[in-house]
């Protein structure tokens, strides 16, 4: 049985180009990106461990992708999630697993 986390987990795995496009969308929408990870989360777990501080300085897509890669390298076997926070509305506008366990 495959665990499902967030919306995109019900679709086939994203290619590198599709992941880049999603990250670029987060950046272009001026959302605050942050990276989280969890080794064996349950589908209802909403609190994952934060990887470094949120990127409030307005990073580009390459910087966000580099943080996703760094988190995955430092936490082998963990799921890595990207969150896009909307500061104006004070909520998470986007959240998806960027690297699934074993990728």
PDB file of N, CA and C in Angstrom:
ATOM      1  N   UNK A   1       0.839  -1.175   0.000  1.00  0.00           N
ATOM      2  CA  UNK A   1       0.000   0.000   0.000  1.00  0.00           C
ATOM      3  C   UNK A   1       0.889   1.246   0.000  1.00  0.00           C
ATOM      4  N   UNK A   2       0.594   2.180  -0.866  1.00  0.00           N
ATOM      5  CA  UNK A   2       1.350   3.418  -0.970  1.00  0.00           C
ATOM      6  C   UNK A   2       0.712   4.480  -0.082  1.00  0.00           C
ATOM      7  N   UNK A   3       1.527   5.141   0.722  1.00  0.00           N
ATOM      8  CA  UNK A   3       1.015   6.228   1.554  1.00  0.00           C
ATOM      9  C   UNK A   3       0.813   7.465   0.700  1.00  0.00           C
ATOM     10  N   UNK A   4      -0.200   8.224   1.029  1.00  0.00           N
ATOM     11  CA  UNK A   4      -0.514   9.445   0.302  1.00  0.00           C
ATOM     12  C   UNK A   4      -0.299  10.655   1.208  1.00  0.00           C
ATOM     13  N   UNK A   5       0.485  11.613   0.722  1.00  0.00           N
ATOM     14  CA  UNK A   5       0.748  12.851   1.443  1.00  0.00           C
ATOM     15  C   UNK A   5       0.498  14.013   0.498  1.00  0.00           C
ATOM     16  N   UNK A   6      -0.370  14.906   0.853  1.00  0.00           N
ATOM     17  CA  UNK A   6      -0.647  16.108   0.085  1.00  0.00           C
ATOM     18  C   UNK A   6      -1.265  15.768  -1.274  1.00  0.00           C
ATOM     19  N   UNK A   7      -1.598  16.769  -2.041  1.00  0.00           N
ATOM     20  CA  UNK A   7      -2.342  16.599  -3.285  1.00  0.00           C
ATOM     21  C   UNK A   7      -1.567  15.843  -4.354  1.00  0.00           C
ATOM     22  N   UNK A   8      -0.321  16.211  -4.606  1.00  0.00           N
ATOM     23  CA  UNK A   8       0.417  15.627  -5.726  1.00  0.00           C
ATOM     24  C   UNK A   8       0.744  14.156  -5.528  1.00  0.00           C
ATOM     25  N   UNK A   9       0.609  13.622  -4.323  1.00  0.00           N
ATOM     26  CA  UNK A   9       0.948  12.222  -4.099  1.00  0.00           C
ATOM     27  C   UNK A   9      -0.047  11.275  -4.770  1.00  0.00           C
ATOM     28  N   UNK A  10      -1.164  11.791  -5.218  1.00  0.00           N
ATOM     29  CA  UNK A  10      -2.147  10.972  -5.927  1.00  0.00           C
ATOM     30  C   UNK A  10      -1.870  10.940  -7.427  1.00  0.00           C
ATOM     31  N   UNK A  11      -0.864  11.631  -7.856  1.00  0.00           N
ATOM     32  CA  UNK A  11      -0.447  11.664  -9.265  1.00  0.00           C
ATOM     33  C   UNK A  11       0.846  10.877  -9.426  1.00  0.00           C
ATOM     34  N   UNK A  12       1.219  10.545 -10.652  1.00  0.00           N
ATOM     35  CA  UNK A  12       2.535   9.913 -10.852  1.00  0.00           C
ATOM     36  C   UNK A  12       3.650  10.829 -10.337  1.00  0.00           C
ATOM     37  N   UNK A  13       4.793  10.239 -10.016  1.00  0.00           N
ATOM     38  CA  UNK A  13       5.927  11.019  -9.506  1.00  0.00           C
ATOM     39  C   UNK A  13       6.298  12.132 -10.482  1.00  0.00           C
ATOM     40  N   UNK A  14       6.655  13.291  -9.930  1.00  0.00           N
ATOM     41  CA  UNK A  14       7.046  14.430 -10.764  1.00  0.00           C
ATOM     42  C   UNK A  14       8.439  14.222 -11.331  1.00  0.00           C
ATOM     43  N   UNK A  15       8.613  14.629 -12.574  1.00  0.00           N
ATOM     44  CA  UNK A  15       9.946  14.638 -13.171  1.00  0.00           C
ATOM     45  C   UNK A  15      10.704  15.845 -12.612  1.00  0.00           C
ATOM     46  N   UNK A  16      11.982  15.920 -12.905  1.00  0.00           N
ATOM     47  CA  UNK A  16      12.787  17.059 -12.444  1.00  0.00           C
ATOM     48  C   UNK A  16      12.243  18.367 -13.015  1.00  0.00           C
ATOM     49  N   UNK A  17      11.808  18.349 -14.265  1.00  0.00           N
ATOM     50  CA  UNK A  17      11.258  19.557 -14.895  1.00  0.00           C
ATOM     51  C   UNK A  17       9.936  19.970 -14.252  1.00  0.00           C
ATOM     52  N   UNK A  18       9.105  18.994 -13.917  1.00  0.00           N
ATOM     53  CA  UNK A  18       7.830  19.308 -13.267  1.00  0.00           C
ATOM     54  C   UNK A  18       8.056  19.857 -11.855  1.00  0.00           C
ATOM     55  N   UNK A  19       9.005  19.285 -11.129  1.00  0.00           N
ATOM     56  CA  UNK A  19       9.326  19.798  -9.798  1.00  0.00           C
ATOM     57  C   UNK A  19       9.839  21.231  -9.899  1.00  0.00           C
ATOM     58  N   UNK A  20      10.719  21.481 -10.854  1.00  0.00           N
ATOM     59  CA  UNK A  20      11.232  22.837 -11.056  1.00  0.00           C
ATOM     60  C   UNK A  20      10.098  23.814 -11.347  1.00  0.00           C
ATOM     61  N   UNK A  21       9.134  23.396 -12.165  1.00  0.00           N
ATOM     62  CA  UNK A  21       7.999  24.264 -12.505  1.00  0.00           C
ATOM     63  C   UNK A  21       7.157  24.571 -11.265  1.00  0.00           C
ATOM     64  N   UNK A  22       6.949  23.587 -10.400  1.00  0.00           N
ATOM     65  CA  UNK A  22       6.182  23.820  -9.177  1.00  0.00           C
ATOM     66  C   UNK A  22       6.925  24.756  -8.230  1.00  0.00           C
ATOM     67  N   UNK A  23       8.221  24.557  -8.101  1.00  0.00           N
ATOM     68  CA  UNK A  23       9.033  25.437  -7.247  1.00  0.00           C
ATOM     69  C   UNK A  23       9.031  26.855  -7.817  1.00  0.00           C
ATOM     70  N   UNK A  24       9.174  26.985  -9.124  1.00  0.00           N
ATOM     71  CA  UNK A  24       9.136  28.307  -9.762  1.00  0.00           C
ATOM     72  C   UNK A  24       7.793  28.992  -9.516  1.00  0.00           C
ATOM     73  N   UNK A  25       6.714  28.225  -9.516  1.00  0.00           N
ATOM     74  CA  UNK A  25       5.393  28.789  -9.239  1.00  0.00           C
ATOM     75  C   UNK A  25       5.312  29.337  -7.820  1.00  0.00           C
ATOM     76  N   UNK A  26       5.870  28.614  -6.870  1.00  0.00           N
ATOM     77  CA  UNK A  26       5.887  29.079  -5.480  1.00  0.00           C
ATOM     78  C   UNK A  26       6.654  30.393  -5.389  1.00  0.00           C
ATOM     79  N   UNK A  27       7.799  30.451  -6.031  1.00  0.00           N
ATOM     80  CA  UNK A  27       8.643  31.654  -5.994  1.00  0.00           C
ATOM     81  C   UNK A  27       7.957  32.825  -6.708  1.00  0.00           C
ATOM     82  N   UNK A  28       7.389  32.577  -7.878  1.00  0.00           N
ATOM     83  CA  UNK A  28       6.741  33.643  -8.652  1.00  0.00           C
ATOM     84  C   UNK A  28       5.524  34.218  -7.942  1.00  0.00           C
ATOM     85  N   UNK A  29       4.843  33.395  -7.164  1.00  0.00           N
ATOM     86  CA  UNK A  29       3.669  33.856  -6.423  1.00  0.00           C
ATOM     87  C   UNK A  29       4.056  34.584  -5.147  1.00  0.00           C
ATOM     88  N   UNK A  30       5.362  34.746  -4.930  1.00  0.00           N
ATOM     89  CA  UNK A  30       5.907  35.444  -3.762  1.00  0.00           C
ATOM     90  C   UNK A  30       5.492  34.783  -2.445  1.00  0.00           C
ATOM     91  N   UNK A  31       5.359  33.457  -2.481  1.00  0.00           N
ATOM     92  CA  UNK A  31       5.113  32.705  -1.261  1.00  0.00           C
ATOM     93  C   UNK A  31       6.446  32.481  -0.563  1.00  0.00           C
ATOM     94  N   UNK A  32       6.431  32.342   0.733  1.00  0.00           N
ATOM     95  CA  UNK A  32       7.650  32.095   1.492  1.00  0.00           C
ATOM     96  C   UNK A  32       7.881  30.587   1.527  1.00  0.00           C
ATOM     97  N   UNK A  33       8.942  30.104   0.856  1.00  0.00           N
ATOM     98  CA  UNK A  33       9.176  28.663   0.852  1.00  0.00           C
ATOM     99  C   UNK A  33       9.942  28.207   2.087  1.00  0.00           C
ATOM    100  N   UNK A  34       9.565  27.035   2.559  1.00  0.00           N
ATOM    101  CA  UNK A  34      10.374  26.363   3.552  1.00  0.00           C
ATOM    102  C   UNK A  34      10.324  24.874   3.289  1.00  0.00           C
ATOM    103  N   UNK A  35      11.353  24.201   3.753  1.00  0.00           N
ATOM    104  CA  UNK A  35      11.525  22.772   3.509  1.00  0.00           C
ATOM    105  C   UNK A  35      11.373  22.038   4.840  1.00  0.00           C
ATOM    106  N   UNK A  36      10.604  20.956   4.815  1.00  0.00           N
ATOM    107  CA  UNK A  36      10.395  20.122   5.990  1.00  0.00           C
ATOM    108  C   UNK A  36      10.738  18.677   5.635  1.00  0.00           C
ATOM    109  N   UNK A  37      10.996  17.858   6.657  1.00  0.00           N
ATOM    110  CA  UNK A  37      11.265  16.449   6.405  1.00  0.00           C
ATOM    111  C   UNK A  37      10.692  15.601   7.531  1.00  0.00           C
ATOM    112  N   UNK A  38      10.401  14.343   7.201  1.00  0.00           N
ATOM    113  CA  UNK A  38       9.912  13.378   8.187  1.00  0.00           C
ATOM    114  C   UNK A  38      10.330  11.995   7.726  1.00  0.00           C
ATOM    115  N   UNK A  39      10.813  11.193   8.649  1.00  0.00           N
ATOM    116  CA  UNK A  39      11.286   9.852   8.298  1.00  0.00           C
ATOM    117  C   UNK A  39      10.156   8.868   8.028  1.00  0.00           C
ATOM    118  N   UNK A  40       9.172   8.802   8.875  1.00  0.00           N
ATOM    119  CA  UNK A  40       8.082   7.855   8.676  1.00  0.00           C
ATOM    120  C   UNK A  40       6.769   8.485   9.146  1.00  0.00           C
ATOM    121  N   UNK A  41       6.304   9.518   8.462  1.00  0.00           N
ATOM    122  CA  UNK A  41       5.107  10.204   8.927  1.00  0.00           C
ATOM    123  C   UNK A  41       3.831   9.417   8.610  1.00  0.00           C
ATOM    124  N   UNK A  42       2.846   9.593   9.447  1.00  0.00           N
ATOM    125  CA  UNK A  42       1.514   9.076   9.141  1.00  0.00           C
ATOM    126  C   UNK A  42       0.842  10.095   8.215  1.00  0.00           C
ATOM    127  N   UNK A  43      -0.103   9.658   7.389  1.00  0.00           N
ATOM    128  CA  UNK A  43      -0.745  10.601   6.472  1.00  0.00           C
ATOM    129  C   UNK A  43      -1.379  11.814   7.156  1.00  0.00           C
ATOM    130  N   UNK A  44      -1.802  11.676   8.400  1.00  0.00           N
ATOM    131  CA  UNK A  44      -2.412  12.795   9.110  1.00  0.00           C
ATOM    132  C   UNK A  44      -1.443  13.685   9.849  1.00  0.00           C
ATOM    133  N   UNK A  45      -0.148  13.376   9.817  1.00  0.00           N
ATOM    134  CA  UNK A  45       0.855  14.201  10.503  1.00  0.00           C
ATOM    135  C   UNK A  45       1.042  15.523   9.763  1.00  0.00           C
ATOM    136  N   UNK A  46       0.740  16.606  10.421  1.00  0.00           N
ATOM    137  CA  UNK A  46       0.897  17.919   9.796  1.00  0.00           C
ATOM    138  C   UNK A  46       2.160  18.629  10.263  1.00  0.00           C
ATOM    139  N   UNK A  47       2.754  18.162  11.342  1.00  0.00           N
ATOM    140  CA  UNK A  47       3.965  18.787  11.861  1.00  0.00           C
ATOM    141  C   UNK A  47       5.174  17.928  11.514  1.00  0.00           C
ATOM    142  N   UNK A  48       5.940  18.370  10.547  1.00  0.00           N
ATOM    143  CA  UNK A  48       7.179  17.710  10.159  1.00  0.00           C
ATOM    144  C   UNK A  48       8.325  18.561  10.709  1.00  0.00           C
ATOM    145  N   UNK A  49       9.526  18.022  10.716  1.00  0.00           N
ATOM    146  CA  UNK A  49      10.693  18.775  11.190  1.00  0.00           C
ATOM    147  C   UNK A  49      11.099  19.817  10.152  1.00  0.00           C
ATOM    148  N   UNK A  50      11.361  21.016  10.630  1.00  0.00           N
ATOM    149  CA  UNK A  50      11.753  22.114   9.744  1.00  0.00           C
ATOM    150  C   UNK A  50      13.226  21.979   9.389  1.00  0.00           C
ATOM    151  N   UNK A  51      13.537  22.099   8.107  1.00  0.00           N
ATOM    152  CA  UNK A  51      14.914  22.096   7.628  1.00  0.00           C
ATOM    153  C   UNK A  51      15.335  23.548   7.493  1.00  0.00           C
ATOM    154  N   UNK A  52      16.177  23.994   8.339  1.00  0.00           N
ATOM    155  CA  UNK A  52      16.653  25.380   8.375  1.00  0.00           C
ATOM    156  C   UNK A  52      15.476  26.346   8.544  1.00  0.00           C
ATOM    157  N   UNK A  53      15.723  27.617   8.411  1.00  0.00           N
ATOM    158  CA  UNK A  53      14.671  28.615   8.580  1.00  0.00           C
ATOM    159  C   UNK A  53      13.945  28.864   7.258  1.00  0.00           C
ATOM    160  N   UNK A  54      12.698  29.335   7.311  1.00  0.00           N
ATOM    161  CA  UNK A  54      11.997  29.678   6.070  1.00  0.00           C
ATOM    162  C   UNK A  54      12.798  30.715   5.278  1.00  0.00           C
ATOM    163  N   UNK A  55      12.683  30.627   3.969  1.00  0.00           N
ATOM    164  CA  UNK A  55      13.450  31.503   3.077  1.00  0.00           C
ATOM    165  C   UNK A  55      12.680  32.801   2.821  1.00  0.00           C
ATOM    166  N   UNK A  56      12.742  33.704   3.799  1.00  0.00           N
ATOM    167  CA  UNK A  56      11.971  34.947   3.740  1.00  0.00           C
ATOM    168  C   UNK A  56      12.610  36.011   2.852  1.00  0.00           C
ATOM    169  N   UNK A  57      13.808  35.762   2.363  1.00  0.00           N
ATOM    170  CA  UNK A  57      14.560  36.764   1.608  1.00  0.00           C
ATOM    171  C   UNK A  57      14.194  36.792   0.119  1.00  0.00           C
ATOM    172  N   UNK A  58      13.239  36.000  -0.319  1.00  0.00           N
ATOM    173  CA  UNK A  58      12.844  35.992  -1.725  1.00  0.00           C
ATOM    174  C   UNK A  58      13.802  35.209  -2.601  1.00  0.00           C
ATOM    175  N   UNK A  59      13.982  33.932  -2.324  1.00  0.00           N
ATOM    176  CA  UNK A  59      14.943  33.132  -3.087  1.00  0.00           C
ATOM    177  C   UNK A  59      14.456  32.861  -4.505  1.00  0.00           C
ATOM    178  N   UNK A  60      15.379  32.424  -5.352  1.00  0.00           N
ATOM    179  CA  UNK A  60      14.971  31.987  -6.690  1.00  0.00           C
ATOM    180  C   UNK A  60      14.749  30.473  -6.660  1.00  0.00           C
ATOM    181  N   UNK A  61      14.247  29.938  -7.751  1.00  0.00           N
ATOM    182  CA  UNK A  61      13.917  28.510  -7.804  1.00  0.00           C
ATOM    183  C   UNK A  61      15.146  27.631  -7.581  1.00  0.00           C
ATOM    184  N   UNK A  62      16.302  28.043  -8.093  1.00  0.00           N
ATOM    185  CA  UNK A  62      17.520  27.248  -7.923  1.00  0.00           C
ATOM    186  C   UNK A  62      17.921  27.137  -6.452  1.00  0.00           C
ATOM    187  N   UNK A  63      17.764  28.220  -5.699  1.00  0.00           N
ATOM    188  CA  UNK A  63      18.096  28.184  -4.271  1.00  0.00           C
ATOM    189  C   UNK A  63      17.155  27.256  -3.505  1.00  0.00           C
ATOM    190  N   UNK A  64      15.881  27.274  -3.858  1.00  0.00           N
ATOM    191  CA  UNK A  64      14.914  26.397  -3.189  1.00  0.00           C
ATOM    192  C   UNK A  64      15.206  24.935  -3.524  1.00  0.00           C
ATOM    193  N   UNK A  65      15.476  24.659  -4.796  1.00  0.00           N
ATOM    194  CA  UNK A  65      15.807  23.289  -5.204  1.00  0.00           C
ATOM    195  C   UNK A  65      17.083  22.809  -4.515  1.00  0.00           C
ATOM    196  N   UNK A  66      18.057  23.700  -4.335  1.00  0.00           N
ATOM    197  CA  UNK A  66      19.296  23.337  -3.642  1.00  0.00           C
ATOM    198  C   UNK A  66      19.009  22.969  -2.190  1.00  0.00           C
ATOM    199  N   UNK A  67      18.098  23.688  -1.540  1.00  0.00           N
ATOM    200  CA  UNK A  67      17.735  23.357  -0.156  1.00  0.00           C
ATOM    201  C   UNK A  67      17.004  22.021  -0.084  1.00  0.00           C
ATOM    202  N   UNK A  68      16.147  21.736  -1.045  1.00  0.00           N
ATOM    203  CA  UNK A  68      15.458  20.439  -1.095  1.00  0.00           C
ATOM    204  C   UNK A  68      16.489  19.325  -1.230  1.00  0.00           C
ATOM    205  N   UNK A  69      17.451  19.510  -2.141  1.00  0.00           N
ATOM    206  CA  UNK A  69      18.499  18.502  -2.341  1.00  0.00           C
ATOM    207  C   UNK A  69      19.369  18.335  -1.093  1.00  0.00           C
ATOM    208  N   UNK A  70      19.715  19.446  -0.437  1.00  0.00           N
ATOM    209  CA  UNK A  70      20.543  19.383   0.768  1.00  0.00           C
ATOM    210  C   UNK A  70      19.807  18.657   1.895  1.00  0.00           C
ATOM    211  N   UNK A  71      18.529  18.930   2.033  1.00  0.00           N
ATOM    212  CA  UNK A  71      17.737  18.256   3.066  1.00  0.00           C
ATOM    213  C   UNK A  71      17.647  16.760   2.781  1.00  0.00           C
ATOM    214  N   UNK A  72      17.408  16.395   1.530  1.00  0.00           N
ATOM    215  CA  UNK A  72      17.323  14.977   1.160  1.00  0.00           C
ATOM    216  C   UNK A  72      18.655  14.270   1.394  1.00  0.00           C
ATOM    217  N   UNK A  73      19.764  14.941   1.090  1.00  0.00           N
ATOM    218  CA  UNK A  73      21.088  14.336   1.285  1.00  0.00           C
ATOM    219  C   UNK A  73      21.408  14.163   2.770  1.00  0.00           C
ATOM    220  N   UNK A  74      20.998  15.119   3.596  1.00  0.00           N
ATOM    221  CA  UNK A  74      21.288  15.056   5.024  1.00  0.00           C
ATOM    222  C   UNK A  74      20.341  14.115   5.780  1.00  0.00           C
ATOM    223  N   UNK A  75      19.225  13.789   5.171  1.00  0.00           N
ATOM    224  CA  UNK A  75      18.220  12.943   5.814  1.00  0.00           C
ATOM    225  C   UNK A  75      17.825  11.798   4.894  1.00  0.00           C
ATOM    226  N   UNK A  76      18.744  10.860   4.648  1.00  0.00           N
ATOM    227  CA  UNK A  76      18.425   9.766   3.729  1.00  0.00           C
ATOM    228  C   UNK A  76      17.249   8.941   4.244  1.00  0.00           C
ATOM    229  N   UNK A  77      16.391   8.564   3.337  1.00  0.00           N
ATOM    230  CA  UNK A  77      15.235   7.764   3.698  1.00  0.00           C
ATOM    231  C   UNK A  77      14.059   8.565   4.229  1.00  0.00           C
ATOM    232  N   UNK A  78      14.164   9.890   4.233  1.00  0.00           N
ATOM    233  CA  UNK A  78      13.072  10.732   4.733  1.00  0.00           C
ATOM    234  C   UNK A  78      12.270  11.303   3.568  1.00  0.00           C
ATOM    235  N   UNK A  79      11.025  11.623   3.834  1.00  0.00           N
ATOM    236  CA  UNK A  79      10.228  12.394   2.886  1.00  0.00           C
ATOM    237  C   UNK A  79      10.607  13.858   3.067  1.00  0.00           C
ATOM    238  N   UNK A  80      10.693  14.594   1.971  1.00  0.00           N
ATOM    239  CA  UNK A  80      11.026  16.020   2.019  1.00  0.00           C
ATOM    240  C   UNK A  80       9.864  16.782   1.393  1.00  0.00           C
ATOM    241  N   UNK A  81       9.337  17.726   2.140  1.00  0.00           N
ATOM    242  CA  UNK A  81       8.159  18.476   1.696  1.00  0.00           C
ATOM    243  C   UNK A  81       8.510  19.950   1.527  1.00  0.00           C
ATOM    244  N   UNK A  82       7.958  20.567   0.487  1.00  0.00           N
ATOM    245  CA  UNK A  82       8.093  22.009   0.281  1.00  0.00           C
ATOM    246  C   UNK A  82       6.766  22.661   0.646  1.00  0.00           C
ATOM    247  N   UNK A  83       6.841  23.695   1.453  1.00  0.00           N
ATOM    248  CA  UNK A  83       5.664  24.464   1.850  1.00  0.00           C
ATOM    249  C   UNK A  83       5.833  25.876   1.310  1.00  0.00           C
ATOM    250  N   UNK A  84       4.760  26.428   0.762  1.00  0.00           N
ATOM    251  CA  UNK A  84       4.733  27.824   0.334  1.00  0.00           C
ATOM    252  C   UNK A  84       3.761  28.573   1.240  1.00  0.00           C
ATOM    253  N   UNK A  85       4.277  29.504   2.025  1.00  0.00           N
ATOM    254  CA  UNK A  85       3.469  30.225   3.007  1.00  0.00           C
ATOM    255  C   UNK A  85       3.073  31.585   2.460  1.00  0.00           C
ATOM    256  N   UNK A  86       1.790  31.906   2.553  1.00  0.00           N
ATOM    257  CA  UNK A  86       1.261  33.191   2.116  1.00  0.00           C
ATOM    258  C   UNK A  86       1.227  34.114   3.339  1.00  0.00           C
ATOM    259  N   UNK A  87       2.146  35.059   3.404  1.00  0.00           N
ATOM    260  CA  UNK A  87       2.246  35.938   4.575  1.00  0.00           C
ATOM    261  C   UNK A  87       1.038  36.859   4.697  1.00  0.00           C
ATOM    262  N   UNK A  88       0.457  37.265   3.581  1.00  0.00           N
ATOM    263  CA  UNK A  88      -0.709  38.152   3.618  1.00  0.00           C
ATOM    264  C   UNK A  88      -1.935  37.476   4.200  1.00  0.00           C
ATOM    265  N   UNK A  89      -2.153  36.250   3.830  1.00  0.00           N
ATOM    266  CA  UNK A  89      -3.316  35.499   4.311  1.00  0.00           C
ATOM    267  C   UNK A  89      -3.009  34.680   5.565  1.00  0.00           C
ATOM    268  N   UNK A  90      -1.741  34.622   5.936  1.00  0.00           N
ATOM    269  CA  UNK A  90      -1.313  33.907   7.139  1.00  0.00           C
ATOM    270  C   UNK A  90      -1.684  32.424   7.087  1.00  0.00           C
ATOM    271  N   UNK A  91      -1.388  31.776   5.944  1.00  0.00           N
ATOM    272  CA  UNK A  91      -1.654  30.341   5.841  1.00  0.00           C
ATOM    273  C   UNK A  91      -0.737  29.689   4.822  1.00  0.00           C
ATOM    274  N   UNK A  92      -0.727  28.367   4.850  1.00  0.00           N
ATOM    275  CA  UNK A  92       0.016  27.616   3.841  1.00  0.00           C
ATOM    276  C   UNK A  92      -0.809  27.592   2.568  1.00  0.00           C
ATOM    277  N   UNK A  93      -0.252  28.128   1.502  1.00  0.00           N
ATOM    278  CA  UNK A  93      -0.958  28.129   0.228  1.00  0.00           C
ATOM    279  C   UNK A  93      -0.636  26.877  -0.572  1.00  0.00           C
ATOM    280  N   UNK A  94       0.562  26.336  -0.386  1.00  0.00           N
ATOM    281  CA  UNK A  94       1.032  25.173  -1.138  1.00  0.00           C
ATOM    282  C   UNK A  94       1.821  24.270  -0.193  1.00  0.00           C
ATOM    283  N   UNK A  95       1.656  22.974  -0.347  1.00  0.00           N
ATOM    284  CA  UNK A  95       2.487  22.005   0.374  1.00  0.00           C
ATOM    285  C   UNK A  95       2.478  20.715  -0.435  1.00  0.00           C
ATOM    286  N   UNK A  96       3.675  20.210  -0.742  1.00  0.00           N
ATOM    287  CA  UNK A  96       3.756  18.949  -1.469  1.00  0.00           C
ATOM    288  C   UNK A  96       5.080  18.265  -1.186  1.00  0.00           C
ATOM    289  N   UNK A  97       5.084  16.940  -1.321  1.00  0.00           N
ATOM    290  CA  UNK A  97       6.299  16.163  -1.116  1.00  0.00           C
ATOM    291  C   UNK A  97       7.170  16.303  -2.354  1.00  0.00           C
ATOM    292  N   UNK A  98       8.346  16.873  -2.161  1.00  0.00           N
ATOM    293  CA  UNK A  98       9.277  17.089  -3.267  1.00  0.00           C
ATOM    294  C   UNK A  98      10.181  15.874  -3.482  1.00  0.00           C
ATOM    295  N   UNK A  99      10.494  15.158  -2.413  1.00  0.00           N
ATOM    296  CA  UNK A  99      11.305  13.932  -2.474  1.00  0.00           C
ATOM    297  C   UNK A  99      10.650  12.908  -1.565  1.00  0.00           C
ATOM    298  N   UNK A 100      10.233  11.794  -2.141  1.00  0.00           N
ATOM    299  CA  UNK A 100       9.625  10.734  -1.350  1.00  0.00           C
ATOM    300  C   UNK A 100      10.715   9.814  -0.807  1.00  0.00           C
ATOM    301  N   UNK A 101      10.403   9.059   0.215  1.00  0.00           N
ATOM    302  CA  UNK A 101      11.357   8.126   0.787  1.00  0.00           C
ATOM    303  C   UNK A 101      11.923   7.235  -0.308  1.00  0.00           C
ATOM    304  N   UNK A 102      13.245   7.076  -0.301  1.00  0.00           N
ATOM    305  CA  UNK A 102      13.878   6.193  -1.266  1.00  0.00           C
ATOM    306  C   UNK A 102      14.242   6.829  -2.590  1.00  0.00           C
ATOM    307  N   UNK A 103      13.917   8.093  -2.790  1.00  0.00           N
ATOM    308  CA  UNK A 103      14.286   8.741  -4.057  1.00  0.00           C
ATOM    309  C   UNK A 103      15.681   9.292  -3.979  1.00  0.00           C
TER     310      UNK A 103
END
